[in-house]
C-alpha atoms as a PDB file:
ATOM      1  CA  MET A   1     -27.713  26.673 -32.093  1.00  0.00           C
ATOM      2  CA  PRO A   2     -28.870  23.792 -29.879  1.00  0.00           C
ATOM      3  CA  ALA A   3     -29.293  24.552 -26.203  1.00  0.00           C
ATOM      4  CA  GLN A   4     -26.810  22.970 -23.803  1.00  0.00           C
ATOM      5  CA  THR A   5     -28.233  20.970 -20.950  1.00  0.00           C
ATOM      6  CA  LEU A   6     -26.605  20.892 -17.532  1.00  0.00           C
ATOM      7  CA  LEU A   7     -27.172  17.706 -15.576  1.00  0.00           C
ATOM      8  CA  GLN A   8     -26.650  17.901 -11.833  1.00  0.00           C
ATOM      9  CA  PHE A   9     -27.140  15.295  -9.144  1.00  0.00           C
ATOM     10  CA  ARG A  10     -28.331  15.823  -5.603  1.00  0.00           C
ATOM     11  CA  ARG A  11     -25.247  16.032  -3.463  1.00  0.00           C
ATOM     12  CA  GLY A  12     -24.080  16.586   0.066  1.00  0.00           C
ATOM     13  CA  THR A  13     -21.777  15.174   2.700  1.00  0.00           C
ATOM     14  CA  ALA A  14     -22.357  11.693   4.107  1.00  0.00           C
ATOM     15  CA  ALA A  15     -23.386  13.249   7.422  1.00  0.00           C
ATOM     16  CA  LEU A  16     -25.914  15.516   5.711  1.00  0.00           C
ATOM     17  CA  TRP A  17     -27.429  12.580   3.834  1.00  0.00           C
ATOM     18  CA  ALA A  18     -27.551  10.494   7.030  1.00  0.00           C
ATOM     19  CA  SER A  19     -29.248  13.231   9.046  1.00  0.00           C
ATOM     20  CA  SER A  20     -31.830  14.176   6.425  1.00  0.00           C
ATOM     21  CA  ASN A  21     -32.360  10.546   5.251  1.00  0.00           C
ATOM     22  CA  PRO A  22     -34.585  11.485   2.262  1.00  0.00           C
ATOM     23  CA  ILE A  23     -36.425   9.119  -0.035  1.00  0.00           C
ATOM     24  CA  LEU A  24     -34.858   9.463  -3.480  1.00  0.00           C
ATOM     25  CA  ALA A  25     -37.210   9.194  -6.468  1.00  0.00           C
ATOM     26  CA  SER A  26     -36.957   6.071  -8.593  1.00  0.00           C
ATOM     27  CA  GLY A  27     -33.696   6.399 -10.561  1.00  0.00           C
ATOM     28  CA  GLU A  28     -32.606   9.560  -8.776  1.00  0.00           C
ATOM     29  CA  PHE A  29     -28.888   9.663  -7.921  1.00  0.00           C
ATOM     30  CA  GLY A  30     -27.538  11.012  -4.630  1.00  0.00           C
ATOM     31  CA  PHE A  31     -23.811  11.763  -4.401  1.00  0.00           C
ATOM     32  CA  GLU A  32     -21.736  12.019  -1.200  1.00  0.00           C
ATOM     33  CA  THR A  33     -19.178  14.785  -1.781  1.00  0.00           C
ATOM     34  CA  ASP A  34     -16.824  13.704   1.012  1.00  0.00           C
ATOM     35  CA  THR A  35     -16.794   9.922   0.384  1.00  0.00           C
ATOM     36  CA  ASN A  36     -17.217  10.011  -3.419  1.00  0.00           C
ATOM     37  CA  LYS A  37     -19.926   7.342  -3.150  1.00  0.00           C
ATOM     38  CA  GLY A  38     -23.454   7.393  -4.448  1.00  0.00           C
ATOM     39  CA  LYS A  39     -26.855   5.758  -4.147  1.00  0.00           C
ATOM     40  CA  VAL A  40     -29.792   5.438  -6.541  1.00  0.00           C
ATOM     41  CA  GLY A  41     -33.304   5.761  -5.219  1.00  0.00           C
ATOM     42  CA  ASN A  42     -36.247   3.426  -5.793  1.00  0.00           C
ATOM     43  CA  GLY A  43     -39.006   5.821  -4.704  1.00  0.00           C
ATOM     44  CA  THR A  44     -39.798   4.019  -1.447  1.00  0.00           C
ATOM     45  CA  THR A  45     -36.609   3.342   0.542  1.00  0.00           C
ATOM     46  CA  ALA A  46     -34.979   5.991   2.749  1.00  0.00           C
ATOM     47  CA  TYR A  47     -31.417   7.000   1.815  1.00  0.00           C
ATOM     48  CA  ASN A  48     -29.740   5.320   4.811  1.00  0.00           C
ATOM     49  CA  SER A  49     -31.237   1.944   3.833  1.00  0.00           C
ATOM     50  CA  LEU A  50     -30.188   2.103   0.159  1.00  0.00           C
ATOM     51  CA  PRO A  51     -27.009   0.281  -0.931  1.00  0.00           C
ATOM     52  CA  TYR A  52     -24.161   2.216  -2.532  1.00  0.00           C
ATOM     53  CA  VAL A  53     -24.012   1.699  -6.288  1.00  0.00           C
ATOM     54  CA  LEU A  54     -20.301   2.389  -6.646  1.00  0.00           C
ATOM     55  CA  GLY A  55     -17.329   2.158  -4.378  1.00  0.00           C
ATOM     56  CA  SER A  56     -15.056   5.092  -3.783  1.00  0.00           C
ATOM     57  CA  PHE A  57     -13.508   6.757  -6.834  1.00  0.00           C
ATOM     58  CA  PRO A  58     -12.131  10.240  -7.557  1.00  0.00           C
ATOM     59  CA  ALA A  59     -14.977  12.730  -7.937  1.00  0.00           C
ATOM     60  CA  ASN A  60     -13.248  14.430 -10.875  1.00  0.00           C
ATOM     61  CA  GLN A  61     -13.466  11.140 -12.813  1.00  0.00           C
ATOM     62  CA  LEU A  62     -17.276  11.006 -12.675  1.00  0.00           C
ATOM     63  CA  SER A  63     -18.746  12.178 -15.963  1.00  0.00           C
ATOM     64  CA  GLY A  64     -22.232  10.896 -16.721  1.00  0.00           C
ATOM     65  CA  THR A  65     -21.796   7.125 -16.836  1.00  0.00           C
ATOM     66  CA  SER A  66     -18.223   7.292 -18.120  1.00  0.00           C
ATOM     67  CA  LEU A  67     -15.225   6.515 -15.967  1.00  0.00           C
ATOM     68  CA  ALA A  68     -11.668   7.062 -17.111  1.00  0.00           C
ATOM     69  CA  ALA A  69      -9.695   3.847 -17.601  1.00  0.00           C
ATOM     70  CA  ASN A  70      -7.436   4.564 -14.659  1.00  0.00           C
ATOM     71  CA  VAL A  71     -10.452   4.481 -12.366  1.00  0.00           C
ATOM     72  CA  VAL A  72     -11.483   1.059 -13.646  1.00  0.00           C
ATOM     73  CA  SER A  73      -8.027  -0.266 -12.787  1.00  0.00           C
ATOM     74  CA  SER A  74      -8.372   0.974  -9.200  1.00  0.00           C
ATOM     75  CA  ALA A  75     -10.487  -0.727  -6.559  1.00  0.00           C
ATOM     76  CA  LEU A  76     -14.034  -0.027  -7.713  1.00  0.00           C
ATOM     77  CA  THR A  77     -16.456  -2.045  -5.651  1.00  0.00           C
ATOM     78  CA  SER A  78     -20.053  -2.482  -6.712  1.00  0.00           C
ATOM     79  CA  VAL A  79     -22.483  -3.060  -3.891  1.00  0.00           C
ATOM     80  CA  GLY A  80     -25.542  -2.170  -5.914  1.00  0.00           C
ATOM     81  CA  THR A  81     -26.458  -2.670  -9.547  1.00  0.00           C
ATOM     82  CA  LEU A  82     -24.466  -0.825 -12.192  1.00  0.00           C
ATOM     83  CA  THR A  83     -26.519  -0.711 -15.367  1.00  0.00           C
ATOM     84  CA  SER A  84     -24.281   1.352 -17.635  1.00  0.00           C
ATOM     85  CA  LEU A  85     -20.571   1.994 -17.713  1.00  0.00           C
ATOM     86  CA  ALA A  86     -18.579   3.345 -20.634  1.00  0.00           C
ATOM     87  CA  VAL A  87     -14.803   2.990 -20.412  1.00  0.00           C
ATOM     88  CA  THR A  88     -12.560   5.220 -22.462  1.00  0.00           C
ATOM     89  CA  GLY A  89      -8.811   4.922 -22.978  1.00  0.00           C
ATOM     90  CA  ASN A  90      -6.677   1.800 -23.017  1.00  0.00           C
ATOM     91  CA  VAL A  91      -7.540  -0.820 -20.424  1.00  0.00           C
ATOM     92  CA  VAL A  92      -4.701  -3.278 -19.772  1.00  0.00           C
ATOM     93  CA  TYR A  93      -5.390  -6.555 -17.992  1.00  0.00           C
ATOM     94  CA  HIS A  94      -2.328  -8.093 -16.401  1.00  0.00           C
ATOM     95  CA  MET A  95      -2.450 -11.786 -15.496  1.00  0.00           C
ATOM     96  CA  ALA A  96      -0.518 -13.164 -12.566  1.00  0.00           C
ATOM     97  CA  THR A  97       1.476 -16.385 -12.898  1.00  0.00           C
ATOM     98  CA  ASN A  98       1.759 -19.576 -10.882  1.00  0.00           C
ATOM     99  CA  ASN A  99       5.172 -21.105 -11.553  1.00  0.00           C
ATOM    100  CA  GLN A 100       5.330 -24.890 -11.277  1.00  0.00           C
ATOM    101  CA  SER A 101       8.592 -26.831 -11.599  1.00  0.00           C
ATOM    102  CA  GLY A 102       7.503 -30.327 -10.539  1.00  0.00           C
ATOM    103  CA  THR A 103       6.417 -33.242 -12.736  1.00  0.00           C
ATOM    104  CA  ALA A 104       2.815 -33.232 -11.484  1.00  0.00           C
ATOM    105  CA  TYR A 105       0.385 -30.437 -10.664  1.00  0.00           C
ATOM    106  CA  THR A 106      -3.342 -30.439  -9.860  1.00  0.00           C
ATOM    107  CA  LEU A 107      -5.210 -27.190 -10.454  1.00  0.00           C
ATOM    108  CA  ALA A 108      -6.174 -25.249  -7.323  1.00  0.00           C
ATOM    109  CA  GLY A 109      -9.041 -22.806  -6.831  1.00  0.00           C
ATOM    110  CA  SER A 110      -6.530 -19.933  -6.746  1.00  0.00           C
ATOM    111  CA  ASP A 111      -5.503 -20.717 -10.366  1.00  0.00           C
ATOM    112  CA  ASP A 112      -8.702 -19.166 -11.775  1.00  0.00           C
ATOM    113  CA  GLY A 113      -7.612 -16.468 -14.214  1.00  0.00           C
ATOM    114  CA  LEU A 114      -3.881 -17.182 -13.882  1.00  0.00           C
ATOM    115  CA  ILE A 115      -1.148 -18.290 -16.244  1.00  0.00           C
ATOM    116  CA  ILE A 116       0.321 -21.583 -15.032  1.00  0.00           C
ATOM    117  CA  GLU A 117       3.967 -21.722 -16.129  1.00  0.00           C
ATOM    118  CA  LEU A 118       5.180 -25.312 -16.242  1.00  0.00           C
ATOM    119  CA  ALA A 119       8.929 -25.950 -16.378  1.00  0.00           C
ATOM    120  CA  ASN A 120      10.710 -29.274 -16.040  1.00  0.00           C
ATOM    121  CA  SER A 121      13.026 -31.386 -18.199  1.00  0.00           C
ATOM    122  CA  ALA A 122      10.717 -34.407 -17.721  1.00  0.00           C
ATOM    123  CA  THR A 123       7.051 -34.848 -18.703  1.00  0.00           C
ATOM    124  CA  ILE A 124       4.661 -32.804 -16.560  1.00  0.00           C
ATOM    125  CA  THR A 125       1.178 -34.090 -15.753  1.00  0.00           C
ATOM    126  CA  LEU A 126      -1.392 -31.333 -15.107  1.00  0.00           C
ATOM    127  CA  THR A 127      -4.655 -32.652 -13.630  1.00  0.00           C
ATOM    128  CA  VAL A 128      -8.028 -30.913 -13.822  1.00  0.00           C
ATOM    129  CA  PRO A 129      -9.876 -31.823 -10.612  1.00  0.00           C
ATOM    130  CA  PRO A 130     -13.612 -32.630 -10.459  1.00  0.00           C
ATOM    131  CA  ASN A 131     -16.094 -29.925  -9.574  1.00  0.00           C
ATOM    132  CA  SER A 132     -16.737 -31.709  -6.255  1.00  0.00           C
ATOM    133  CA  SER A 133     -13.118 -30.935  -5.262  1.00  0.00           C
ATOM    134  CA  ILE A 134     -12.642 -27.467  -6.798  1.00  0.00           C
ATOM    135  CA  PRO A 135     -15.914 -25.812  -7.928  1.00  0.00           C
ATOM    136  CA  PHE A 136     -14.520 -23.462 -10.577  1.00  0.00           C
ATOM    137  CA  ALA A 137     -17.212 -21.234 -12.066  1.00  0.00           C
ATOM    138  CA  ILE A 138     -18.450 -22.113 -15.543  1.00  0.00           C
ATOM    139  CA  GLY A 139     -16.499 -19.905 -17.923  1.00  0.00           C
ATOM    140  CA  THR A 140     -13.276 -20.102 -15.879  1.00  0.00           C
ATOM    141  CA  GLN A 141     -10.205 -19.733 -18.071  1.00  0.00           C
ATOM    142  CA  ILE A 142      -6.791 -20.989 -16.995  1.00  0.00           C
ATOM    143  CA  GLN A 143      -3.809 -20.326 -19.252  1.00  0.00           C
ATOM    144  CA  LEU A 144      -1.030 -22.915 -19.538  1.00  0.00           C
ATOM    145  CA  LEU A 145       2.484 -22.014 -20.708  1.00  0.00           C
ATOM    146  CA  GLN A 146       5.122 -24.729 -21.135  1.00  0.00           C
ATOM    147  CA  THR A 147       8.440 -22.987 -20.377  1.00  0.00           C
ATOM    148  CA  GLY A 148      10.597 -26.120 -20.022  1.00  0.00           C
ATOM    149  CA  VAL A 149      11.434 -28.950 -22.434  1.00  0.00           C
ATOM    150  CA  GLY A 150       9.329 -31.497 -20.525  1.00  0.00           C
ATOM    151  CA  GLN A 151       6.010 -31.854 -22.361  1.00  0.00           C
ATOM    152  CA  VAL A 152       2.865 -30.919 -20.470  1.00  0.00           C
ATOM    153  CA  VAL A 153       0.145 -33.578 -20.555  1.00  0.00           C
ATOM    154  CA  VAL A 154      -3.315 -32.428 -19.379  1.00  0.00           C
ATOM    155  CA  THR A 155      -5.328 -35.159 -17.643  1.00  0.00           C
ATOM    156  CA  ALA A 156      -8.884 -35.342 -16.359  1.00  0.00           C
ATOM    157  CA  GLY A 157      -9.616 -35.988 -12.695  1.00  0.00           C
ATOM    158  CA  ALA A 158     -12.353 -38.438 -11.665  1.00  0.00           C
ATOM    159  CA  GLY A 159     -15.548 -37.713 -13.610  1.00  0.00           C
ATOM    160  CA  VAL A 160     -14.005 -34.845 -15.623  1.00  0.00           C
ATOM    161  CA  THR A 161     -14.157 -34.617 -19.408  1.00  0.00           C
ATOM    162  CA  ILE A 162     -11.640 -32.521 -21.319  1.00  0.00           C
ATOM    163  CA  ASN A 163     -12.438 -31.973 -24.997  1.00  0.00           C
ATOM    164  CA  ALA A 164      -9.546 -31.049 -27.304  1.00  0.00           C
ATOM    165  CA  ASN A 165      -8.443 -31.368 -30.894  1.00  0.00           C
ATOM    166  CA  PRO A 166      -6.061 -32.976 -31.727  1.00  0.00           C
ATOM    167  CA  GLY A 167      -5.035 -34.037 -28.197  1.00  0.00           C
ATOM    168  CA  LEU A 168      -4.304 -33.173 -24.581  1.00  0.00           C
ATOM    169  CA  LYS A 169      -0.580 -32.336 -24.792  1.00  0.00           C
ATOM    170  CA  ILE A 170       0.990 -28.915 -25.119  1.00  0.00           C
ATOM    171  CA  ARG A 171       3.080 -29.046 -28.309  1.00  0.00           C
ATOM    172  CA  GLY A 172       6.469 -27.929 -26.979  1.00  0.00           C
ATOM    173  CA  GLN A 173       8.540 -25.416 -25.104  1.00  0.00           C
ATOM    174  CA  TRP A 174       6.998 -21.895 -25.228  1.00  0.00           C
ATOM    175  CA  SER A 175       3.662 -23.288 -26.448  1.00  0.00           C
ATOM    176  CA  PHE A 176       0.532 -21.804 -24.912  1.00  0.00           C
ATOM    177  CA  ALA A 177      -2.914 -23.347 -24.299  1.00  0.00           C
ATOM    178  CA  THR A 178      -6.099 -22.401 -22.464  1.00  0.00           C
ATOM    179  CA  LEU A 179      -8.435 -24.538 -20.363  1.00  0.00           C
ATOM    180  CA  VAL A 180     -12.041 -23.289 -20.375  1.00  0.00           C
ATOM    181  CA  LYS A 181     -14.731 -24.732 -18.116  1.00  0.00           C
ATOM    182  CA  ARG A 182     -17.932 -25.304 -20.144  1.00  0.00           C
ATOM    183  CA  SER A 183     -20.161 -27.105 -17.628  1.00  0.00           C
ATOM    184  CA  THR A 184     -19.968 -28.779 -14.215  1.00  0.00           C
ATOM    185  CA  ASP A 185     -17.255 -31.314 -15.070  1.00  0.00           C
ATOM    186  CA  THR A 186     -16.585 -30.508 -18.731  1.00  0.00           C
ATOM    187  CA  TRP A 187     -13.642 -28.467 -19.966  1.00  0.00           C
ATOM    188  CA  VAL A 188     -12.131 -27.685 -23.363  1.00  0.00           C
ATOM    189  CA  LEU A 189      -8.413 -27.325 -24.046  1.00  0.00           C
ATOM    190  CA  VAL A 190      -7.519 -25.019 -26.934  1.00  0.00           C
ATOM    191  CA  GLY A 191      -4.283 -23.571 -28.217  1.00  0.00           C
ATOM    192  CA  ASP A 192      -0.926 -24.903 -29.379  1.00  0.00           C
ATOM    193  CA  ILE A 193      -1.703 -28.547 -28.544  1.00  0.00           C
ATOM    194  CA  THR A 194      -0.923 -31.957 -30.023  1.00  0.00           C
ATOM    195  CA  ALA A 195      -1.996 -35.629 -29.737  1.00  0.00           C
END
């Protein structure tokens, strides 16, 4: 029968850590039992000067490098470098919406990661601004949902290129498309689109 190995981390209250201020060995983990935060040593820096590697989370959810899915959905703030995290269970990502009912809309910085719902009986022009106006990160994805009968036409702001096949219009009511930023002023539009 294989032997079972028990893995324990150095632990103590935040006050105890602050008063003793030890130097943790390189890769050694120190856990604060009252704040549920931890730090990883580098072999040279005293504990008080090390950054926390994880924000606050329930101590009973810490198991090796695995965190239950409900912990991931809570506010988990990384102020250090997290090198390994295994998530178990079902993780659900809910996207917020930005409802627009006018006939013209220019993307705003707050639209990053949102679903833009566009509803009007007339044609709606959605403009993608240049990076100089709104510096979206490369890889930004903005979802577009046409909820009204007015067709959504995606247009490029000054100096912007939007690649799409077959065209830059959302096909019809309840059609869905995604804008993805590929480089500084280059986007691609994919989804239920038409010329």
